[in-house]
């Protein structure tokens, strides 16, 4: 049986960028690279925060979704997002 799962986000972004009529100028290439880099920086957000705080990534995910409350994890998520935005 063939695996019918949807492609991962990175694969999806690459497909979208390839399928669109992106300009071949350096500006178009830079925009594509910026989009991919931004995704990659966010990709491990919960895992990085979880590792830093010594908790499970699923718990970090639940706090981010609002299913659980933890000021410590919320503060770490905000700090990590601010760090990413400054890169």
C-alpha atoms as a PDB file:
ATOM      1  CA  UNK A   1       0.000   0.000   0.000  1.00  0.00           C
ATOM      2  CA  UNK A   2       1.306   3.432  -0.903  1.00  0.00           C
ATOM      3  CA  UNK A   3       1.772   6.013   1.817  1.00  0.00           C
ATOM      4  CA  UNK A   4      -0.736   8.804   1.073  1.00  0.00           C
ATOM      5  CA  UNK A   5       0.353  11.230   3.789  1.00  0.00           C
ATOM      6  CA  UNK A   6       0.629  14.855   2.718  1.00  0.00           C
ATOM      7  CA  UNK A   7       4.155  16.150   2.170  1.00  0.00           C
ATOM      8  CA  UNK A   8       5.905  17.931   5.014  1.00  0.00           C
ATOM      9  CA  UNK A   9       5.774  21.713   5.175  1.00  0.00           C
ATOM     10  CA  UNK A  10       9.273  22.117   3.743  1.00  0.00           C
ATOM     11  CA  UNK A  11       8.434  19.878   0.781  1.00  0.00           C
ATOM     12  CA  UNK A  12       5.188  21.762   0.308  1.00  0.00           C
ATOM     13  CA  UNK A  13       6.941  25.143   0.274  1.00  0.00           C
ATOM     14  CA  UNK A  14       9.467  23.888  -2.260  1.00  0.00           C
ATOM     15  CA  UNK A  15       6.676  22.602  -4.514  1.00  0.00           C
ATOM     16  CA  UNK A  16       4.815  25.906  -4.290  1.00  0.00           C
ATOM     17  CA  UNK A  17       7.931  27.907  -5.054  1.00  0.00           C
ATOM     18  CA  UNK A  18       8.814  25.672  -8.000  1.00  0.00           C
ATOM     19  CA  UNK A  19       5.304  25.724  -9.443  1.00  0.00           C
ATOM     20  CA  UNK A  20       4.850  29.471  -9.300  1.00  0.00           C
ATOM     21  CA  UNK A  21       6.195  31.686 -12.010  1.00  0.00           C
ATOM     22  CA  UNK A  22       8.909  33.090  -9.777  1.00  0.00           C
ATOM     23  CA  UNK A  23      11.058  35.742 -11.374  1.00  0.00           C
ATOM     24  CA  UNK A  24      14.535  34.480 -12.159  1.00  0.00           C
ATOM     25  CA  UNK A  25      15.994  37.678 -10.792  1.00  0.00           C
ATOM     26  CA  UNK A  26      18.109  37.688  -7.674  1.00  0.00           C
ATOM     27  CA  UNK A  27      15.217  39.352  -5.851  1.00  0.00           C
ATOM     28  CA  UNK A  28      12.954  36.371  -6.533  1.00  0.00           C
ATOM     29  CA  UNK A  29      15.657  33.952  -5.401  1.00  0.00           C
ATOM     30  CA  UNK A  30      16.232  35.948  -2.221  1.00  0.00           C
ATOM     31  CA  UNK A  31      12.512  35.994  -1.431  1.00  0.00           C
ATOM     32  CA  UNK A  32      12.297  32.221  -1.867  1.00  0.00           C
ATOM     33  CA  UNK A  33      15.359  31.621   0.295  1.00  0.00           C
ATOM     34  CA  UNK A  34      14.036  33.984   2.974  1.00  0.00           C
ATOM     35  CA  UNK A  35      10.715  32.127   3.081  1.00  0.00           C
ATOM     36  CA  UNK A  36      12.412  28.738   3.406  1.00  0.00           C
ATOM     37  CA  UNK A  37      14.862  30.005   6.030  1.00  0.00           C
ATOM     38  CA  UNK A  38      12.029  31.487   8.082  1.00  0.00           C
ATOM     39  CA  UNK A  39      10.161  28.176   8.002  1.00  0.00           C
ATOM     40  CA  UNK A  40      13.253  26.218   9.019  1.00  0.00           C
ATOM     41  CA  UNK A  41      13.855  28.511  11.980  1.00  0.00           C
ATOM     42  CA  UNK A  42      10.301  27.914  13.224  1.00  0.00           C
ATOM     43  CA  UNK A  43      10.359  24.174  12.477  1.00  0.00           C
ATOM     44  CA  UNK A  44      11.989  23.129  15.733  1.00  0.00           C
ATOM     45  CA  UNK A  45      10.515  25.819  17.958  1.00  0.00           C
ATOM     46  CA  UNK A  46       8.697  23.541  20.426  1.00  0.00           C
ATOM     47  CA  UNK A  47      11.612  21.095  20.581  1.00  0.00           C
ATOM     48  CA  UNK A  48      14.144  23.867  21.285  1.00  0.00           C
ATOM     49  CA  UNK A  49      11.998  25.367  24.040  1.00  0.00           C
ATOM     50  CA  UNK A  50      11.292  21.921  25.518  1.00  0.00           C
ATOM     51  CA  UNK A  51      14.978  21.007  25.533  1.00  0.00           C
ATOM     52  CA  UNK A  52      15.920  24.326  27.123  1.00  0.00           C
ATOM     53  CA  UNK A  53      13.344  23.911  29.902  1.00  0.00           C
ATOM     54  CA  UNK A  54      13.654  20.150  30.366  1.00  0.00           C
ATOM     55  CA  UNK A  55      10.037  19.349  29.486  1.00  0.00           C
ATOM     56  CA  UNK A  56       8.344  17.353  26.736  1.00  0.00           C
ATOM     57  CA  UNK A  57       7.756  19.055  23.380  1.00  0.00           C
ATOM     58  CA  UNK A  58       4.113  17.943  23.405  1.00  0.00           C
ATOM     59  CA  UNK A  59       3.586  19.904  26.622  1.00  0.00           C
ATOM     60  CA  UNK A  60       5.115  22.992  25.003  1.00  0.00           C
ATOM     61  CA  UNK A  61       2.767  22.469  22.062  1.00  0.00           C
ATOM     62  CA  UNK A  62      -0.254  22.284  24.372  1.00  0.00           C
ATOM     63  CA  UNK A  63       0.759  25.493  26.126  1.00  0.00           C
ATOM     64  CA  UNK A  64       1.178  27.199  22.738  1.00  0.00           C
ATOM     65  CA  UNK A  65      -2.321  26.066  21.703  1.00  0.00           C
ATOM     66  CA  UNK A  66      -3.816  27.265  24.972  1.00  0.00           C
ATOM     67  CA  UNK A  67      -4.777  23.784  26.163  1.00  0.00           C
ATOM     68  CA  UNK A  68      -2.457  24.082  29.184  1.00  0.00           C
ATOM     69  CA  UNK A  69      -1.157  27.031  31.177  1.00  0.00           C
ATOM     70  CA  UNK A  70       2.479  27.664  32.082  1.00  0.00           C
ATOM     71  CA  UNK A  71       3.889  31.158  32.366  1.00  0.00           C
ATOM     72  CA  UNK A  72       7.425  29.757  32.260  1.00  0.00           C
ATOM     73  CA  UNK A  73       6.865  27.953  28.945  1.00  0.00           C
ATOM     74  CA  UNK A  74       4.887  30.829  27.475  1.00  0.00           C
ATOM     75  CA  UNK A  75       7.708  33.239  28.312  1.00  0.00           C
ATOM     76  CA  UNK A  76      10.248  30.873  26.740  1.00  0.00           C
ATOM     77  CA  UNK A  77       8.138  30.574  23.562  1.00  0.00           C
ATOM     78  CA  UNK A  78       7.869  34.348  23.255  1.00  0.00           C
ATOM     79  CA  UNK A  79      11.604  34.749  23.860  1.00  0.00           C
ATOM     80  CA  UNK A  80      12.430  32.162  21.185  1.00  0.00           C
ATOM     81  CA  UNK A  81      10.098  33.813  18.662  1.00  0.00           C
ATOM     82  CA  UNK A  82      11.691  37.190  19.349  1.00  0.00           C
ATOM     83  CA  UNK A  83      15.137  35.621  18.898  1.00  0.00           C
ATOM     84  CA  UNK A  84      14.091  34.177  15.533  1.00  0.00           C
ATOM     85  CA  UNK A  85      12.656  37.484  14.342  1.00  0.00           C
ATOM     86  CA  UNK A  86      15.964  39.221  15.004  1.00  0.00           C
ATOM     87  CA  UNK A  87      17.970  36.758  12.875  1.00  0.00           C
END
